[in-house]
Amino acid sequence: MFCQRCNSYKLNEVTAKCSDMFNMLTHINEASILEYKGCVPSSIGIGSGDYIEFIYCLNCGQIQEKFPITLTEEDIEELKEE
């Protein structure tokens, strides 16, 4: 396996269990921040439910697989409701 951006083989795999203690601040624009607390939302691409799981490059910092992620207005509304 190698980095999708720089082709480096220096990758770090992260796995964590956080139950419902996941916290996230999303900067929507210059004046608006969404605070989310709960389980890991699958729409942000770093895991889901109780688990954070992702791989990133130690050379360039790129998170591997489906990145960058674009949160839609619908995704943001779902996070607000949870």
PDB file of N, CA and C in Angstrom:
ATOM      1  N   MET A   1       0.843  -1.173   0.000  1.00  0.00           N
ATOM      2  CA  MET A   1       0.000   0.000   0.000  1.00  0.00           C
ATOM      3  C   MET A   1       0.892   1.242   0.000  1.00  0.00           C
ATOM      4  N   PHE A   2       0.479   2.246  -0.734  1.00  0.00           N
ATOM      5  CA  PHE A   2       1.248   3.485  -0.797  1.00  0.00           C
ATOM      6  C   PHE A   2       0.290   4.673  -0.840  1.00  0.00           C
ATOM      7  N   CYS A   3       0.794   5.860  -0.539  1.00  0.00           N
ATOM      8  CA  CYS A   3      -0.011   7.072  -0.455  1.00  0.00           C
ATOM      9  C   CYS A   3      -0.640   7.423  -1.800  1.00  0.00           C
ATOM     10  N   GLN A   4      -1.903   7.791  -1.776  1.00  0.00           N
ATOM     11  CA  GLN A   4      -2.615   8.172  -3.004  1.00  0.00           C
ATOM     12  C   GLN A   4      -2.181   9.525  -3.532  1.00  0.00           C
ATOM     13  N   ARG A   5      -1.484  10.326  -2.719  1.00  0.00           N
ATOM     14  CA  ARG A   5      -1.026  11.639  -3.174  1.00  0.00           C
ATOM     15  C   ARG A   5       0.445  11.624  -3.583  1.00  0.00           C
ATOM     16  N   CYS A   6       1.329  11.116  -2.693  1.00  0.00           N
ATOM     17  CA  CYS A   6       2.766  11.245  -2.951  1.00  0.00           C
ATOM     18  C   CYS A   6       3.470   9.918  -3.211  1.00  0.00           C
ATOM     19  N   ASN A   7       2.732   8.797  -3.183  1.00  0.00           N
ATOM     20  CA  ASN A   7       3.253   7.448  -3.435  1.00  0.00           C
ATOM     21  C   ASN A   7       4.229   6.942  -2.382  1.00  0.00           C
ATOM     22  N   SER A   8       4.293   7.574  -1.225  1.00  0.00           N
ATOM     23  CA  SER A   8       5.150   7.114  -0.134  1.00  0.00           C
ATOM     24  C   SER A   8       4.572   5.840   0.480  1.00  0.00           C
ATOM     25  N   TYR A   9       5.463   4.990   0.979  1.00  0.00           N
ATOM     26  CA  TYR A   9       5.024   3.791   1.691  1.00  0.00           C
ATOM     27  C   TYR A   9       4.922   4.040   3.191  1.00  0.00           C
ATOM     28  N   LYS A  10       5.216   5.243   3.643  1.00  0.00           N
ATOM     29  CA  LYS A  10       5.178   5.582   5.066  1.00  0.00           C
ATOM     30  C   LYS A  10       3.755   5.966   5.460  1.00  0.00           C
ATOM     31  N   LEU A  11       2.966   4.968   5.845  1.00  0.00           N
ATOM     32  CA  LEU A  11       1.577   5.187   6.213  1.00  0.00           C
ATOM     33  C   LEU A  11       1.347   4.785   7.660  1.00  0.00           C
ATOM     34  N   ASN A  12       0.460   5.511   8.334  1.00  0.00           N
ATOM     35  CA  ASN A  12       0.128   5.230   9.717  1.00  0.00           C
ATOM     36  C   ASN A  12      -1.363   4.919   9.793  1.00  0.00           C
ATOM     37  N   GLU A  13      -1.706   3.763  10.355  1.00  0.00           N
ATOM     38  CA  GLU A  13      -3.096   3.361  10.486  1.00  0.00           C
ATOM     39  C   GLU A  13      -3.563   3.643  11.908  1.00  0.00           C
ATOM     40  N   VAL A  14      -4.678   4.353  12.038  1.00  0.00           N
ATOM     41  CA  VAL A  14      -5.206   4.753  13.340  1.00  0.00           C
ATOM     42  C   VAL A  14      -6.545   4.059  13.578  1.00  0.00           C
ATOM     43  N   THR A  15      -6.689   3.447  14.743  1.00  0.00           N
ATOM     44  CA  THR A  15      -7.946   2.837  15.156  1.00  0.00           C
ATOM     45  C   THR A  15      -8.190   3.215  16.612  1.00  0.00           C
ATOM     46  N   ALA A  16      -9.406   3.685  16.898  1.00  0.00           N
ATOM     47  CA  ALA A  16      -9.740   4.051  18.272  1.00  0.00           C
ATOM     48  C   ALA A  16     -11.210   3.774  18.534  1.00  0.00           C
ATOM     49  N   LYS A  17     -11.522   3.400  19.770  1.00  0.00           N
ATOM     50  CA  LYS A  17     -12.914   3.246  20.176  1.00  0.00           C
ATOM     51  C   LYS A  17     -13.232   4.389  21.124  1.00  0.00           C
ATOM     52  N   CYS A  18     -14.266   5.143  20.794  1.00  0.00           N
ATOM     53  CA  CYS A  18     -14.584   6.309  21.619  1.00  0.00           C
ATOM     54  C   CYS A  18     -16.020   6.288  22.123  1.00  0.00           C
ATOM     55  N   SER A  19     -16.749   5.208  21.884  1.00  0.00           N
ATOM     56  CA  SER A  19     -18.157   5.105  22.279  1.00  0.00           C
ATOM     57  C   SER A  19     -18.908   6.347  21.844  1.00  0.00           C
ATOM     58  N   ASP A  20     -19.668   6.966  22.736  1.00  0.00           N
ATOM     59  CA  ASP A  20     -20.432   8.153  22.360  1.00  0.00           C
ATOM     60  C   ASP A  20     -19.744   9.430  22.840  1.00  0.00           C
ATOM     61  N   MET A  21     -18.417   9.369  23.016  1.00  0.00           N
ATOM     62  CA  MET A  21     -17.664  10.520  23.518  1.00  0.00           C
ATOM     63  C   MET A  21     -16.904  11.243  22.405  1.00  0.00           C
ATOM     64  N   PHE A  22     -17.359  11.129  21.173  1.00  0.00           N
ATOM     65  CA  PHE A  22     -16.732  11.797  20.042  1.00  0.00           C
ATOM     66  C   PHE A  22     -17.201  13.251  19.994  1.00  0.00           C
ATOM     67  N   ASN A  23     -16.252  14.176  19.894  1.00  0.00           N
ATOM     68  CA  ASN A  23     -16.560  15.603  19.784  1.00  0.00           C
ATOM     69  C   ASN A  23     -15.937  16.149  18.512  1.00  0.00           C
ATOM     70  N   MET A  24     -16.667  17.055  17.830  1.00  0.00           N
ATOM     71  CA  MET A  24     -16.169  17.624  16.589  1.00  0.00           C
ATOM     72  C   MET A  24     -16.667  19.064  16.457  1.00  0.00           C
ATOM     73  N   LEU A  25     -15.785  19.951  16.031  1.00  0.00           N
ATOM     74  CA  LEU A  25     -16.142  21.314  15.676  1.00  0.00           C
ATOM     75  C   LEU A  25     -15.949  21.455  14.178  1.00  0.00           C
ATOM     76  N   THR A  26     -16.998  21.815  13.454  1.00  0.00           N
ATOM     77  CA  THR A  26     -16.931  21.991  12.011  1.00  0.00           C
ATOM     78  C   THR A  26     -17.071  23.470  11.697  1.00  0.00           C
ATOM     79  N   HIS A  27     -16.059  24.036  11.071  1.00  0.00           N
ATOM     80  CA  HIS A  27     -16.085  25.443  10.666  1.00  0.00           C
ATOM     81  C   HIS A  27     -16.792  25.516   9.319  1.00  0.00           C
ATOM     82  N   ILE A  28     -18.038  25.946   9.340  1.00  0.00           N
ATOM     83  CA  ILE A  28     -18.870  25.974   8.141  1.00  0.00           C
ATOM     84  C   ILE A  28     -18.517  27.172   7.269  1.00  0.00           C
ATOM     85  N   ASN A  29     -18.282  28.304   7.891  1.00  0.00           N
ATOM     86  CA  ASN A  29     -17.836  29.506   7.194  1.00  0.00           C
ATOM     87  C   ASN A  29     -17.107  30.388   8.211  1.00  0.00           C
ATOM     88  N   GLU A  30     -16.798  31.611   7.854  1.00  0.00           N
ATOM     89  CA  GLU A  30     -16.008  32.477   8.736  1.00  0.00           C
ATOM     90  C   GLU A  30     -16.672  32.735  10.083  1.00  0.00           C
ATOM     91  N   ALA A  31     -17.998  32.740  10.119  1.00  0.00           N
ATOM     92  CA  ALA A  31     -18.703  33.123  11.339  1.00  0.00           C
ATOM     93  C   ALA A  31     -19.507  31.997  11.974  1.00  0.00           C
ATOM     94  N   SER A  32     -19.504  30.817  11.384  1.00  0.00           N
ATOM     95  CA  SER A  32     -20.387  29.760  11.862  1.00  0.00           C
ATOM     96  C   SER A  32     -19.612  28.471  12.142  1.00  0.00           C
ATOM     97  N   ILE A  33     -19.779  27.971  13.359  1.00  0.00           N
ATOM     98  CA  ILE A  33     -19.148  26.720  13.772  1.00  0.00           C
ATOM     99  C   ILE A  33     -20.240  25.787  14.272  1.00  0.00           C
ATOM    100  N   LEU A  34     -20.212  24.548  13.804  1.00  0.00           N
ATOM    101  CA  LEU A  34     -21.148  23.522  14.250  1.00  0.00           C
ATOM    102  C   LEU A  34     -20.419  22.629  15.248  1.00  0.00           C
ATOM    103  N   GLU A  35     -20.971  22.483  16.445  1.00  0.00           N
ATOM    104  CA  GLU A  35     -20.395  21.583  17.432  1.00  0.00           C
ATOM    105  C   GLU A  35     -21.232  20.309  17.449  1.00  0.00           C
ATOM    106  N   TYR A  36     -20.549  19.169  17.377  1.00  0.00           N
ATOM    107  CA  TYR A  36     -21.218  17.874  17.357  1.00  0.00           C
ATOM    108  C   TYR A  36     -20.633  17.006  18.455  1.00  0.00           C
ATOM    109  N   LYS A  37     -21.499  16.351  19.231  1.00  0.00           N
ATOM    110  CA  LYS A  37     -21.082  15.393  20.251  1.00  0.00           C
ATOM    111  C   LYS A  37     -21.953  14.160  20.111  1.00  0.00           C
ATOM    112  N   GLY A  38     -21.328  12.998  20.125  1.00  0.00           N
ATOM    113  CA  GLY A  38     -22.075  11.752  20.001  1.00  0.00           C
ATOM    114  C   GLY A  38     -21.211  10.673  19.390  1.00  0.00           C
ATOM    115  N   CYS A  39     -21.827   9.776  18.643  1.00  0.00           N
ATOM    116  CA  CYS A  39     -21.092   8.717  17.948  1.00  0.00           C
ATOM    117  C   CYS A  39     -20.408   9.300  16.713  1.00  0.00           C
ATOM    118  N   VAL A  40     -19.415   8.588  16.206  1.00  0.00           N
ATOM    119  CA  VAL A  40     -18.671   9.049  15.031  1.00  0.00           C
ATOM    120  C   VAL A  40     -19.585   8.991  13.802  1.00  0.00           C
ATOM    121  N   PRO A  41     -19.839  10.144  13.145  1.00  0.00           N
ATOM    122  CA  PRO A  41     -20.688  10.129  11.954  1.00  0.00           C
ATOM    123  C   PRO A  41     -19.935   9.565  10.744  1.00  0.00           C
ATOM    124  N   SER A  42     -20.556   8.672  10.012  1.00  0.00           N
ATOM    125  CA  SER A  42     -19.890   8.047   8.865  1.00  0.00           C
ATOM    126  C   SER A  42     -19.638   9.038   7.733  1.00  0.00           C
ATOM    127  N   SER A  43     -20.356  10.144   7.703  1.00  0.00           N
ATOM    128  CA  SER A  43     -20.235  11.100   6.595  1.00  0.00           C
ATOM    129  C   SER A  43     -18.918  11.870   6.574  1.00  0.00           C
ATOM    130  N   ILE A  44     -18.123  11.792   7.652  1.00  0.00           N
ATOM    131  CA  ILE A  44     -16.870  12.555   7.675  1.00  0.00           C
ATOM    132  C   ILE A  44     -15.653  11.727   7.267  1.00  0.00           C
ATOM    133  N   GLY A  45     -15.824  10.442   7.025  1.00  0.00           N
ATOM    134  CA  GLY A  45     -14.770   9.634   6.424  1.00  0.00           C
ATOM    135  C   GLY A  45     -13.652   9.146   7.327  1.00  0.00           C
ATOM    136  N   ILE A  46     -13.859   9.161   8.649  1.00  0.00           N
ATOM    137  CA  ILE A  46     -12.803   8.663   9.542  1.00  0.00           C
ATOM    138  C   ILE A  46     -13.284   7.520  10.418  1.00  0.00           C
ATOM    139  N   GLY A  47     -14.377   6.881  10.042  1.00  0.00           N
ATOM    140  CA  GLY A  47     -14.940   5.785  10.804  1.00  0.00           C
ATOM    141  C   GLY A  47     -16.436   5.960  10.930  1.00  0.00           C
ATOM    142  N   SER A  48     -17.028   5.269  11.931  1.00  0.00           N
ATOM    143  CA  SER A  48     -18.459   5.422  12.195  1.00  0.00           C
ATOM    144  C   SER A  48     -18.810   4.734  13.499  1.00  0.00           C
ATOM    145  N   GLY A  49     -19.936   5.122  14.058  1.00  0.00           N
ATOM    146  CA  GLY A  49     -20.403   4.515  15.299  1.00  0.00           C
ATOM    147  C   GLY A  49     -19.458   4.799  16.456  1.00  0.00           C
ATOM    148  N   ASP A  50     -18.938   3.741  17.064  1.00  0.00           N
ATOM    149  CA  ASP A  50     -18.024   3.876  18.197  1.00  0.00           C
ATOM    150  C   ASP A  50     -16.558   3.939  17.781  1.00  0.00           C
ATOM    151  N   TYR A  51     -16.268   3.817  16.483  1.00  0.00           N
ATOM    152  CA  TYR A  51     -14.878   3.653  16.052  1.00  0.00           C
ATOM    153  C   TYR A  51     -14.384   4.752  15.110  1.00  0.00           C
ATOM    154  N   ILE A  52     -13.159   5.173  15.361  1.00  0.00           N
ATOM    155  CA  ILE A  52     -12.416   6.034  14.453  1.00  0.00           C
ATOM    156  C   ILE A  52     -11.385   5.139  13.787  1.00  0.00           C
ATOM    157  N   GLU A  53     -11.372   5.106  12.464  1.00  0.00           N
ATOM    158  CA  GLU A  53     -10.438   4.261  11.715  1.00  0.00           C
ATOM    159  C   GLU A  53     -10.034   4.982  10.438  1.00  0.00           C
ATOM    160  N   PHE A  54      -8.759   5.267  10.305  1.00  0.00           N
ATOM    161  CA  PHE A  54      -8.279   5.871   9.065  1.00  0.00           C
ATOM    162  C   PHE A  54      -6.786   5.640   8.927  1.00  0.00           C
ATOM    163  N   ILE A  55      -6.298   5.845   7.719  1.00  0.00           N
ATOM    164  CA  ILE A  55      -4.877   5.712   7.408  1.00  0.00           C
ATOM    165  C   ILE A  55      -4.410   7.045   6.850  1.00  0.00           C
ATOM    166  N   TYR A  56      -3.263   7.528   7.333  1.00  0.00           N
ATOM    167  CA  TYR A  56      -2.720   8.772   6.791  1.00  0.00           C
ATOM    168  C   TYR A  56      -1.241   8.613   6.478  1.00  0.00           C
ATOM    169  N   CYS A  57      -0.773   9.450   5.564  1.00  0.00           N
ATOM    170  CA  CYS A  57       0.610   9.397   5.112  1.00  0.00           C
ATOM    171  C   CYS A  57       1.511  10.178   6.068  1.00  0.00           C
ATOM    172  N   LEU A  58       2.584   9.560   6.497  1.00  0.00           N
ATOM    173  CA  LEU A  58       3.549  10.230   7.371  1.00  0.00           C
ATOM    174  C   LEU A  58       4.440  11.196   6.602  1.00  0.00           C
ATOM    175  N   ASN A  59       4.433  11.102   5.278  1.00  0.00           N
ATOM    176  CA  ASN A  59       5.249  11.972   4.445  1.00  0.00           C
ATOM    177  C   ASN A  59       4.529  13.286   4.121  1.00  0.00           C
ATOM    178  N   CYS A  60       3.276  13.210   3.653  1.00  0.00           N
ATOM    179  CA  CYS A  60       2.563  14.431   3.227  1.00  0.00           C
ATOM    180  C   CYS A  60       1.324  14.749   4.054  1.00  0.00           C
ATOM    181  N   GLY A  61       0.866  13.829   4.898  1.00  0.00           N
ATOM    182  CA  GLY A  61      -0.289  14.068   5.756  1.00  0.00           C
ATOM    183  C   GLY A  61      -1.638  13.722   5.158  1.00  0.00           C
ATOM    184  N   GLN A  62      -1.680  13.278   3.911  1.00  0.00           N
ATOM    185  CA  GLN A  62      -2.942  12.953   3.236  1.00  0.00           C
ATOM    186  C   GLN A  62      -3.652  11.788   3.920  1.00  0.00           C
ATOM    187  N   ILE A  63      -4.930  11.991   4.275  1.00  0.00           N
ATOM    188  CA  ILE A  63      -5.744  10.876   4.745  1.00  0.00           C
ATOM    189  C   ILE A  63      -6.126  10.067   3.517  1.00  0.00           C
ATOM    190  N   GLN A  64      -5.962   8.751   3.611  1.00  0.00           N
ATOM    191  CA  GLN A  64      -6.147   7.877   2.461  1.00  0.00           C
ATOM    192  C   GLN A  64      -7.613   7.539   2.218  1.00  0.00           C
ATOM    193  N   GLU A  65      -7.901   7.092   1.036  1.00  0.00           N
ATOM    194  CA  GLU A  65      -9.189   6.641   0.529  1.00  0.00           C
ATOM    195  C   GLU A  65     -10.027   7.790   0.020  1.00  0.00           C
ATOM    196  N   LYS A  66     -11.214   8.038   0.546  1.00  0.00           N
ATOM    197  CA  LYS A  66     -12.190   8.943  -0.060  1.00  0.00           C
ATOM    198  C   LYS A  66     -12.019  10.390   0.411  1.00  0.00           C
ATOM    199  N   PHE A  67     -10.888  10.978   0.162  1.00  0.00           N
ATOM    200  CA  PHE A  67     -10.660  12.358   0.584  1.00  0.00           C
ATOM    201  C   PHE A  67     -10.221  13.186  -0.603  1.00  0.00           C
ATOM    202  N   PRO A  68     -10.534  14.437  -0.651  1.00  0.00           N
ATOM    203  CA  PRO A  68     -11.219  15.212   0.392  1.00  0.00           C
ATOM    204  C   PRO A  68     -12.711  14.912   0.427  1.00  0.00           C
ATOM    205  N   ILE A  69     -13.332  15.191   1.565  1.00  0.00           N
ATOM    206  CA  ILE A  69     -14.771  14.981   1.760  1.00  0.00           C
ATOM    207  C   ILE A  69     -15.469  16.327   1.675  1.00  0.00           C
ATOM    208  N   THR A  70     -16.578  16.351   0.990  1.00  0.00           N
ATOM    209  CA  THR A  70     -17.386  17.558   0.926  1.00  0.00           C
ATOM    210  C   THR A  70     -18.690  17.287   1.659  1.00  0.00           C
ATOM    211  N   LEU A  71     -18.889  17.967   2.773  1.00  0.00           N
ATOM    212  CA  LEU A  71     -20.144  17.822   3.491  1.00  0.00           C
ATOM    213  C   LEU A  71     -21.211  18.645   2.794  1.00  0.00           C
ATOM    214  N   THR A  72     -22.321  18.005   2.492  1.00  0.00           N
ATOM    215  CA  THR A  72     -23.430  18.723   1.871  1.00  0.00           C
ATOM    216  C   THR A  72     -24.250  19.416   2.955  1.00  0.00           C
ATOM    217  N   GLU A  73     -25.128  20.305   2.554  1.00  0.00           N
ATOM    218  CA  GLU A  73     -26.033  20.958   3.508  1.00  0.00           C
ATOM    219  C   GLU A  73     -26.868  19.904   4.241  1.00  0.00           C
ATOM    220  N   GLU A  74     -27.245  18.839   3.529  1.00  0.00           N
ATOM    221  CA  GLU A  74     -28.013  17.750   4.141  1.00  0.00           C
ATOM    222  C   GLU A  74     -27.205  17.056   5.231  1.00  0.00           C
ATOM    223  N   ASP A  75     -25.911  16.795   4.977  1.00  0.00           N
ATOM    224  CA  ASP A  75     -25.038  16.186   5.993  1.00  0.00           C
ATOM    225  C   ASP A  75     -24.959  17.071   7.225  1.00  0.00           C
ATOM    226  N   ILE A  76     -24.809  18.368   7.021  1.00  0.00           N
ATOM    227  CA  ILE A  76     -24.705  19.314   8.142  1.00  0.00           C
ATOM    228  C   ILE A  76     -26.002  19.336   8.946  1.00  0.00           C
ATOM    229  N   GLU A  77     -27.135  19.305   8.269  1.00  0.00           N
ATOM    230  CA  GLU A  77     -28.431  19.296   8.967  1.00  0.00           C
ATOM    231  C   GLU A  77     -28.582  18.024   9.794  1.00  0.00           C
ATOM    232  N   GLU A  78     -28.135  16.882   9.261  1.00  0.00           N
ATOM    233  CA  GLU A  78     -28.207  15.619  10.006  1.00  0.00           C
ATOM    234  C   GLU A  78     -27.346  15.696  11.251  1.00  0.00           C
ATOM    235  N   LEU A  79     -26.166  16.282  11.168  1.00  0.00           N
ATOM    236  CA  LEU A  79     -25.297  16.416  12.330  1.00  0.00           C
ATOM    237  C   LEU A  79     -25.931  17.325  13.386  1.00  0.00           C
ATOM    238  N   LYS A  80     -26.619  18.360  12.955  1.00  0.00           N
ATOM    239  CA  LYS A  80     -27.288  19.275  13.887  1.00  0.00           C
ATOM    240  C   LYS A  80     -28.388  18.566  14.653  1.00  0.00           C
ATOM    241  N   GLU A  81     -29.079  17.636  13.976  1.00  0.00           N
ATOM    242  CA  GLU A  81     -30.211  16.935  14.588  1.00  0.00           C
ATOM    243  C   GLU A  81     -29.779  15.889  15.597  1.00  0.00           C
ATOM    244  N   GLU A  82     -28.591  15.332  15.463  1.00  0.00           N
ATOM    245  CA  GLU A  82     -28.135  14.251  16.343  1.00  0.00           C
ATOM    246  C   GLU A  82     -27.677  14.770  17.680  1.00  0.00           C
TER     247      GLU A  82
END
